[in-house]
């Protein structure tokens, strides 16, 4: 069976739209354009609303300390603790 390339009445050999395809799509051009505009507007509206709501957030209820917490003097490191335990064991 010989090889037959894809053949369509809607596209030519270079895959360009033929007049038949343009005629078939013509009734839907306005509806599809309006639908696309509505969907894009909805997405932009939701995004804008979200950004506005988030930017109005105030952090008055968060308690911020006046000065940083002071930690006690550094405790001996783990190796020093182990050495002290070993020395106490030997005694």
Protein backbone atom coordinates (compact mmCIF):
# COMPACT_ATOMS: atom_id res chain seq x y z
CA UNK A 1 0.00 0.00 0.00
CA UNK A 2 1.62 3.30 -1.03
CA UNK A 3 2.14 6.14 1.43
CA UNK A 4 -0.58 8.79 1.29
CA UNK A 5 0.11 12.05 3.07
CA UNK A 6 -2.57 13.60 5.22
CA UNK A 7 -5.21 15.08 2.96
CA UNK A 8 -7.79 17.56 4.11
CA UNK A 9 -10.18 19.91 2.42
CA UNK A 10 -9.52 22.49 5.13
CA UNK A 11 -5.71 22.75 4.75
CA UNK A 12 -3.38 22.88 1.76
CA UNK A 13 0.00 21.14 1.39
CA UNK A 14 1.70 23.81 3.52
CA UNK A 15 -0.97 23.51 6.25
CA UNK A 16 -2.48 26.92 5.53
CA UNK A 17 -6.20 27.44 6.10
CA UNK A 18 -8.33 27.08 2.98
CA UNK A 19 -11.41 29.18 2.27
CA UNK A 20 -13.63 26.24 3.31
CA UNK A 21 -12.12 26.28 6.81
CA UNK A 22 -12.53 30.04 7.08
CA UNK A 23 -16.19 29.73 6.03
CA UNK A 24 -16.78 26.95 8.59
CA UNK A 25 -15.29 29.04 11.40
CA UNK A 26 -16.96 32.34 10.46
CA UNK A 27 -20.22 31.85 12.43
CA UNK A 28 -18.28 31.24 15.65
CA UNK A 29 -15.75 34.05 15.32
CA UNK A 30 -17.76 36.68 17.22
CA UNK A 31 -18.97 34.25 19.92
CA UNK A 32 -15.48 32.88 20.50
CA UNK A 33 -14.02 36.39 20.69
CA UNK A 34 -16.61 37.48 23.24
CA UNK A 35 -16.12 34.30 25.28
CA UNK A 36 -12.34 34.80 25.29
CA UNK A 37 -12.75 38.42 26.38
CA UNK A 38 -15.12 37.42 29.21
CA UNK A 39 -12.76 34.70 30.47
CA UNK A 40 -9.73 37.04 30.38
CA UNK A 41 -11.71 39.78 32.16
CA UNK A 42 -12.79 37.32 34.85
CA UNK A 43 -9.20 36.20 35.46
CA UNK A 44 -7.91 39.77 35.61
CA UNK A 45 -10.76 40.76 37.95
CA UNK A 46 -10.07 37.89 40.36
CA UNK A 47 -6.35 38.67 40.34
CA UNK A 48 -6.94 42.39 40.98
CA UNK A 49 -9.43 41.69 43.77
CA UNK A 50 -7.03 39.27 45.46
CA UNK A 51 -4.12 41.71 45.34
CA UNK A 52 -6.30 44.52 46.75
CA UNK A 53 -7.61 42.38 49.62
CA UNK A 54 -4.15 41.12 50.56
CA UNK A 55 -2.59 44.60 50.46
CA UNK A 56 -5.13 45.86 53.01
CA UNK A 57 -4.00 43.37 55.64
CA UNK A 58 -2.82 45.08 58.82
CA UNK A 59 -0.71 43.45 61.47
CA UNK A 60 -1.92 45.46 64.48
CA UNK A 61 -2.75 42.29 66.41
CA UNK A 62 0.82 41.00 66.20
CA UNK A 63 2.79 41.67 69.39
CA UNK A 64 6.25 43.01 68.63
CA UNK A 65 8.70 42.97 71.56
CA UNK A 66 10.37 46.26 72.46
CA UNK A 67 13.85 44.80 72.67
CA UNK A 68 15.30 41.49 71.65
CA UNK A 69 15.17 38.56 74.04
CA UNK A 70 18.38 38.27 76.01
CA UNK A 71 19.65 34.77 76.26
CA UNK A 72 21.72 33.52 79.19
CA UNK A 73 25.44 33.08 78.79
CA UNK A 74 26.38 30.35 76.39
CA UNK A 75 26.24 26.90 77.83
CA UNK A 76 29.21 24.63 77.28
CA UNK A 77 29.32 22.89 73.96
CA UNK A 78 28.50 19.22 73.61
CA UNK A 79 32.14 18.16 73.51
CA UNK A 80 32.88 20.07 76.71
CA UNK A 81 29.87 18.45 78.39
CA UNK A 82 31.07 14.99 77.33
CA UNK A 83 34.58 15.72 78.61
CA UNK A 84 33.20 16.90 81.95
CA UNK A 85 31.07 13.75 82.24
CA UNK A 86 34.07 11.53 81.48
CA UNK A 87 36.19 13.39 84.08
CA UNK A 88 33.47 13.01 86.71
CA UNK A 89 33.19 9.29 85.92
CA UNK A 90 36.90 8.75 86.42
CA UNK A 91 36.84 10.29 89.89
